[in-house]
Amino acid sequence: MQVYAAAIVHTALRVAEAEIAEQVRVEPEELSVPKLFPRVAAASAMACGAEIGIAETVRLNRHLKLRRPNLRRLCFATTPLDAVRVETRKGPRRHRRFCRARAKWKAITQVRGFRS
């Protein structure tokens, strides 16, 4: 079930990414998934909480005609484009330096006192 849930979340995130890219007229590859996912998750949680609060308010005030607020206008529903864009590299990749401690590496089974 966790695999199916992960697949559903991944698909929903990719659909959201495509819709966001279409709205701001950029390619979906220009949006950073590691930056976008926490913002989408937080916005989804806030939207769920707001919907529950609105539904409870409507239920408690059945005798009144209430107008529903536009959740898209609230602060949690938007984010600047630069905050979720992919950052380009500023130069060539650096090579990993040699570390003397890596030359003395041992497997955990060779460490004195190890018991499996």
N, C-alpha and C. Protein backbone atom coordinates (compact mmCIF):
# COMPACT_ATOMS: atom_id res chain seq x y z
N MET A 1 0.82 -1.19 0.00
CA MET A 1 0.00 0.00 0.00
C MET A 1 0.87 1.26 0.00
N GLN A 2 2.04 1.17 0.64
CA GLN A 2 2.92 2.33 0.66
C GLN A 2 3.46 2.64 -0.74
N VAL A 3 3.72 1.60 -1.51
CA VAL A 3 4.20 1.81 -2.87
C VAL A 3 3.12 2.50 -3.70
N TYR A 4 1.87 2.05 -3.56
CA TYR A 4 0.78 2.68 -4.29
C TYR A 4 0.59 4.13 -3.84
N ALA A 5 0.68 4.38 -2.54
CA ALA A 5 0.54 5.74 -2.02
C ALA A 5 1.65 6.63 -2.56
N ALA A 6 2.87 6.11 -2.60
CA ALA A 6 4.00 6.89 -3.13
C ALA A 6 3.80 7.18 -4.62
N ALA A 7 3.29 6.21 -5.35
CA ALA A 7 3.04 6.41 -6.78
C ALA A 7 1.96 7.46 -7.00
N ILE A 8 0.92 7.44 -6.18
CA ILE A 8 -0.16 8.42 -6.30
C ILE A 8 0.35 9.82 -5.98
N VAL A 9 1.14 9.95 -4.91
CA VAL A 9 1.70 11.26 -4.53
C VAL A 9 2.63 11.76 -5.63
N HIS A 10 3.47 10.88 -6.17
CA HIS A 10 4.39 11.26 -7.23
C HIS A 10 3.63 11.75 -8.45
N THR A 11 2.58 11.03 -8.83
CA THR A 11 1.78 11.43 -9.99
C THR A 11 1.08 12.76 -9.74
N ALA A 12 0.51 12.92 -8.55
CA ALA A 12 -0.16 14.18 -8.23
C ALA A 12 0.82 15.35 -8.25
N LEU A 13 2.02 15.13 -7.75
CA LEU A 13 3.03 16.20 -7.75
C LEU A 13 3.44 16.55 -9.17
N ARG A 14 3.60 15.56 -10.02
CA ARG A 14 3.97 15.83 -11.41
C ARG A 14 2.86 16.57 -12.15
N VAL A 15 1.61 16.22 -11.87
CA VAL A 15 0.48 16.93 -12.49
C VAL A 15 0.46 18.38 -12.00
N ALA A 16 0.65 18.58 -10.70
CA ALA A 16 0.69 19.93 -10.15
C ALA A 16 1.85 20.72 -10.75
N GLU A 17 2.99 20.07 -10.90
CA GLU A 17 4.16 20.72 -11.48
C GLU A 17 3.86 21.17 -12.92
N ALA A 18 3.21 20.32 -13.70
CA ALA A 18 2.87 20.66 -15.08
C ALA A 18 1.88 21.81 -15.14
N GLU A 19 0.89 21.81 -14.24
CA GLU A 19 -0.09 22.90 -14.22
C GLU A 19 0.54 24.22 -13.80
N ILE A 20 1.42 24.17 -12.82
CA ILE A 20 2.12 25.37 -12.37
C ILE A 20 2.98 25.92 -13.51
N ALA A 21 3.72 25.04 -14.16
CA ALA A 21 4.58 25.46 -15.28
C ALA A 21 3.76 26.08 -16.40
N GLU A 22 2.60 25.52 -16.66
CA GLU A 22 1.74 26.07 -17.71
C GLU A 22 1.22 27.46 -17.33
N GLN A 23 0.86 27.64 -16.07
CA GLN A 23 0.35 28.94 -15.61
C GLN A 23 1.39 30.03 -15.71
N VAL A 24 2.64 29.71 -15.36
CA VAL A 24 3.69 30.74 -15.37
C VAL A 24 4.49 30.73 -16.67
N ARG A 25 4.10 29.88 -17.60
CA ARG A 25 4.70 29.80 -18.94
C ARG A 25 6.19 29.49 -18.90
N VAL A 26 6.53 28.43 -18.18
CA VAL A 26 7.90 27.90 -18.18
C VAL A 26 7.81 26.40 -18.43
N GLU A 27 8.94 25.81 -18.73
CA GLU A 27 8.98 24.36 -18.92
C GLU A 27 8.92 23.68 -17.54
N PRO A 28 8.27 22.53 -17.42
CA PRO A 28 8.22 21.84 -16.12
C PRO A 28 9.60 21.49 -15.57
N GLU A 29 10.58 21.29 -16.47
CA GLU A 29 11.93 20.94 -16.02
C GLU A 29 12.61 22.11 -15.32
N GLU A 30 12.08 23.33 -15.48
CA GLU A 30 12.66 24.49 -14.81
C GLU A 30 12.25 24.59 -13.35
N LEU A 31 11.28 23.77 -12.94
CA LEU A 31 10.84 23.77 -11.54
C LEU A 31 11.56 22.67 -10.78
N SER A 32 12.04 23.00 -9.60
CA SER A 32 12.77 22.05 -8.77
C SER A 32 11.80 21.25 -7.91
N VAL A 33 11.76 19.95 -8.11
CA VAL A 33 10.87 19.09 -7.33
C VAL A 33 11.22 19.11 -5.84
N PRO A 34 12.52 19.05 -5.45
CA PRO A 34 12.84 19.12 -4.02
C PRO A 34 12.41 20.44 -3.36
N LYS A 35 12.33 21.51 -4.13
CA LYS A 35 11.86 22.78 -3.58
C LYS A 35 10.34 22.87 -3.64
N LEU A 36 9.74 22.28 -4.67
CA LEU A 36 8.30 22.39 -4.87
C LEU A 36 7.51 21.48 -3.94
N PHE A 37 7.99 20.26 -3.70
CA PHE A 37 7.23 19.29 -2.92
C PHE A 37 6.86 19.78 -1.52
N PRO A 38 7.82 20.33 -0.72
CA PRO A 38 7.41 20.78 0.62
C PRO A 38 6.38 21.91 0.58
N ARG A 39 6.47 22.77 -0.42
CA ARG A 39 5.51 23.86 -0.52
C ARG A 39 4.12 23.35 -0.92
N VAL A 40 4.08 22.38 -1.83
CA VAL A 40 2.80 21.79 -2.23
C VAL A 40 2.19 21.03 -1.06
N ALA A 41 3.02 20.29 -0.33
CA ALA A 41 2.52 19.53 0.82
C ALA A 41 1.96 20.47 1.89
N ALA A 42 2.67 21.54 2.19
CA ALA A 42 2.20 22.50 3.20
C ALA A 42 0.92 23.19 2.73
N ALA A 43 0.87 23.58 1.46
CA ALA A 43 -0.33 24.23 0.94
C ALA A 43 -1.52 23.28 0.97
N SER A 44 -1.29 22.00 0.67
CA SER A 44 -2.37 21.01 0.71
C SER A 44 -2.90 20.84 2.12
N ALA A 45 -2.00 20.77 3.09
CA ALA A 45 -2.42 20.62 4.48
C ALA A 45 -3.20 21.84 4.94
N MET A 46 -2.72 23.03 4.59
CA MET A 46 -3.42 24.25 4.98
C MET A 46 -4.79 24.34 4.30
N ALA A 47 -4.86 23.94 3.03
CA ALA A 47 -6.13 23.98 2.31
C ALA A 47 -7.14 23.00 2.93
N CYS A 48 -6.66 21.82 3.33
CA CYS A 48 -7.54 20.85 3.99
C CYS A 48 -8.07 21.41 5.30
N GLY A 49 -7.18 22.02 6.09
CA GLY A 49 -7.60 22.62 7.35
C GLY A 49 -8.60 23.74 7.13
N ALA A 50 -8.36 24.56 6.11
CA ALA A 50 -9.28 25.65 5.81
C ALA A 50 -10.64 25.11 5.36
N GLU A 51 -10.64 24.09 4.53
CA GLU A 51 -11.90 23.49 4.06
C GLU A 51 -12.70 22.91 5.22
N ILE A 52 -12.01 22.24 6.15
CA ILE A 52 -12.69 21.68 7.32
C ILE A 52 -13.30 22.80 8.16
N GLY A 53 -12.53 23.88 8.36
CA GLY A 53 -13.04 25.02 9.12
C GLY A 53 -14.24 25.67 8.45
N ILE A 54 -14.18 25.82 7.13
CA ILE A 54 -15.30 26.42 6.40
C ILE A 54 -16.53 25.52 6.48
N ALA A 55 -16.32 24.22 6.29
CA ALA A 55 -17.46 23.29 6.35
C ALA A 55 -18.11 23.32 7.73
N GLU A 56 -17.32 23.39 8.77
CA GLU A 56 -17.87 23.43 10.14
C GLU A 56 -18.60 24.74 10.38
N THR A 57 -18.07 25.85 9.87
CA THR A 57 -18.73 27.14 10.02
C THR A 57 -20.07 27.14 9.31
N VAL A 58 -20.13 26.59 8.10
CA VAL A 58 -21.38 26.50 7.36
C VAL A 58 -22.37 25.61 8.10
N ARG A 59 -21.89 24.51 8.66
CA ARG A 59 -22.78 23.60 9.39
C ARG A 59 -23.36 24.26 10.63
N LEU A 60 -22.56 25.04 11.33
CA LEU A 60 -23.03 25.69 12.55
C LEU A 60 -23.92 26.90 12.28
N ASN A 61 -23.88 27.42 11.07
CA ASN A 61 -24.67 28.61 10.72
C ASN A 61 -25.59 28.31 9.54
N ARG A 62 -26.37 27.24 9.66
CA ARG A 62 -27.26 26.83 8.56
C ARG A 62 -28.30 27.89 8.24
N HIS A 63 -28.69 28.66 9.23
CA HIS A 63 -29.75 29.64 9.02
C HIS A 63 -29.24 30.90 8.29
N LEU A 64 -27.93 31.04 8.16
CA LEU A 64 -27.34 32.19 7.46
C LEU A 64 -26.84 31.79 6.09
N LYS A 65 -26.87 32.75 5.18
CA LYS A 65 -26.29 32.51 3.86
C LYS A 65 -24.87 33.05 3.90
N LEU A 66 -23.90 32.17 3.86
CA LEU A 66 -22.50 32.55 3.97
C LEU A 66 -21.82 32.48 2.61
N ARG A 67 -20.86 33.38 2.41
CA ARG A 67 -20.05 33.33 1.19
C ARG A 67 -18.75 32.62 1.52
N ARG A 68 -18.38 31.71 0.65
CA ARG A 68 -17.13 30.97 0.86
C ARG A 68 -15.96 31.84 0.43
N PRO A 69 -14.88 31.85 1.21
CA PRO A 69 -13.71 32.62 0.80
C PRO A 69 -12.97 31.92 -0.34
N ASN A 70 -12.25 32.71 -1.10
CA ASN A 70 -11.44 32.18 -2.19
C ASN A 70 -10.09 31.78 -1.60
N LEU A 71 -9.85 30.48 -1.47
CA LEU A 71 -8.62 29.99 -0.84
C LEU A 71 -7.38 30.31 -1.67
N ARG A 72 -7.54 30.52 -2.96
CA ARG A 72 -6.39 30.83 -3.81
C ARG A 72 -5.79 32.20 -3.50
N ARG A 73 -6.54 33.04 -2.82
CA ARG A 73 -6.05 34.37 -2.50
C ARG A 73 -5.31 34.41 -1.17
N LEU A 74 -5.31 33.31 -0.44
CA LEU A 74 -4.63 33.27 0.86
C LEU A 74 -3.12 33.08 0.67
N CYS A 75 -2.35 33.48 1.68
CA CYS A 75 -0.89 33.50 1.55
C CYS A 75 -0.28 32.11 1.33
N PHE A 76 -0.87 31.05 1.85
CA PHE A 76 -0.27 29.72 1.71
C PHE A 76 -0.46 29.15 0.31
N ALA A 77 -1.32 29.75 -0.49
CA ALA A 77 -1.63 29.21 -1.81
C ALA A 77 -0.69 29.71 -2.90
N THR A 78 0.21 30.63 -2.58
CA THR A 78 1.11 31.16 -3.60
C THR A 78 2.55 31.13 -3.10
N THR A 79 3.46 31.15 -4.05
CA THR A 79 4.88 31.22 -3.73
C THR A 79 5.58 31.89 -4.92
N PRO A 80 6.66 32.60 -4.67
CA PRO A 80 7.36 33.21 -5.80
C PRO A 80 8.00 32.16 -6.70
N LEU A 81 8.02 32.43 -7.98
CA LEU A 81 8.58 31.48 -8.94
C LEU A 81 10.06 31.22 -8.67
N ASP A 82 10.80 32.24 -8.30
CA ASP A 82 12.23 32.07 -8.04
C ASP A 82 12.50 31.12 -6.88
N ALA A 83 11.53 30.96 -5.98
CA ALA A 83 11.73 30.08 -4.82
C ALA A 83 11.67 28.61 -5.19
N VAL A 84 11.10 28.29 -6.35
CA VAL A 84 10.97 26.88 -6.75
C VAL A 84 11.66 26.57 -8.06
N ARG A 85 12.40 27.51 -8.59
CA ARG A 85 13.14 27.26 -9.83
C ARG A 85 14.41 26.48 -9.57
N VAL A 86 14.83 25.72 -10.56
CA VAL A 86 16.08 24.97 -10.49
C VAL A 86 17.23 25.97 -10.53
N GLU A 87 18.21 25.77 -9.67
CA GLU A 87 19.39 26.63 -9.68
C GLU A 87 20.42 26.03 -10.62
N THR A 88 20.97 26.86 -11.49
CA THR A 88 22.00 26.37 -12.40
C THR A 88 23.34 26.39 -11.68
N ARG A 89 24.22 25.52 -12.11
CA ARG A 89 25.56 25.47 -11.52
C ARG A 89 26.31 26.75 -11.82
N LYS A 90 27.09 27.19 -10.87
CA LYS A 90 27.81 28.44 -11.03
C LYS A 90 29.19 28.24 -11.66
N GLY A 91 29.60 27.03 -11.83
CA GLY A 91 30.89 26.75 -12.43
C GLY A 91 31.05 25.27 -12.66
N PRO A 92 32.24 24.85 -13.02
CA PRO A 92 32.44 23.41 -13.22
C PRO A 92 32.37 22.66 -11.90
N ARG A 93 32.03 21.39 -11.98
CA ARG A 93 31.98 20.56 -10.78
C ARG A 93 33.35 20.38 -10.18
N ARG A 94 33.41 20.40 -8.86
CA ARG A 94 34.68 20.14 -8.19
C ARG A 94 34.86 18.64 -8.01
N HIS A 95 36.08 18.21 -8.08
CA HIS A 95 36.37 16.80 -7.86
C HIS A 95 36.56 16.56 -6.37
N ARG A 96 36.17 15.38 -5.94
CA ARG A 96 36.32 15.03 -4.54
C ARG A 96 37.79 14.86 -4.22
N ARG A 97 38.21 15.51 -3.15
CA ARG A 97 39.63 15.42 -2.77
C ARG A 97 39.92 14.10 -2.07
N PHE A 98 41.17 13.69 -2.15
CA PHE A 98 41.57 12.46 -1.48
C PHE A 98 41.70 12.72 0.01
N CYS A 99 41.17 11.83 0.79
CA CYS A 99 41.23 11.95 2.24
C CYS A 99 42.03 10.75 2.78
N ARG A 100 43.03 11.02 3.60
CA ARG A 100 43.87 9.93 4.11
C ARG A 100 43.07 8.94 4.94
N ALA A 101 42.05 9.41 5.61
CA ALA A 101 41.24 8.52 6.44
C ALA A 101 40.52 7.48 5.58
N ARG A 102 40.18 7.85 4.35
CA ARG A 102 39.52 6.88 3.46
C ARG A 102 40.46 5.75 3.10
N ALA A 103 41.75 5.98 3.09
CA ALA A 103 42.71 4.93 2.76
C ALA A 103 42.79 3.89 3.87
N LYS A 104 42.40 4.25 5.09
CA LYS A 104 42.47 3.34 6.23
C LYS A 104 41.11 2.69 6.52
N TRP A 105 40.23 2.70 5.58
CA TRP A 105 38.89 2.18 5.77
C TRP A 105 38.92 0.69 6.05
N LYS A 106 38.04 0.23 6.97
CA LYS A 106 37.88 -1.19 7.27
C LYS A 106 36.41 -1.53 7.22
N ALA A 107 36.14 -2.76 6.88
CA ALA A 107 34.76 -3.24 6.95
C ALA A 107 34.39 -3.39 8.41
N ILE A 108 33.13 -3.21 8.74
CA ILE A 108 32.68 -3.29 10.12
C ILE A 108 32.95 -4.66 10.72
N THR A 109 32.98 -5.69 9.90
CA THR A 109 33.23 -7.05 10.41
C THR A 109 34.70 -7.22 10.82
N GLN A 110 35.58 -6.34 10.37
CA GLN A 110 37.00 -6.45 10.72
C GLN A 110 37.36 -5.59 11.93
N VAL A 111 36.42 -4.84 12.45
CA VAL A 111 36.69 -4.01 13.62
C VAL A 111 36.71 -4.89 14.85
N ARG A 112 37.73 -4.71 15.70
CA ARG A 112 37.85 -5.52 16.90
C ARG A 112 36.63 -5.30 17.81
N GLY A 113 36.06 -6.37 18.31
CA GLY A 113 34.92 -6.30 19.21
C GLY A 113 33.56 -6.37 18.49
N PHE A 114 33.56 -6.43 17.17
CA PHE A 114 32.30 -6.51 16.43
C PHE A 114 31.71 -7.90 16.58
N ARG A 115 30.41 -7.93 16.90
CA ARG A 115 29.67 -9.19 16.97
C ARG A 115 28.42 -9.06 16.13
N SER A 116 28.13 -10.06 15.32
CA SER A 116 26.92 -9.97 14.49
C SER A 116 25.75 -10.64 15.15
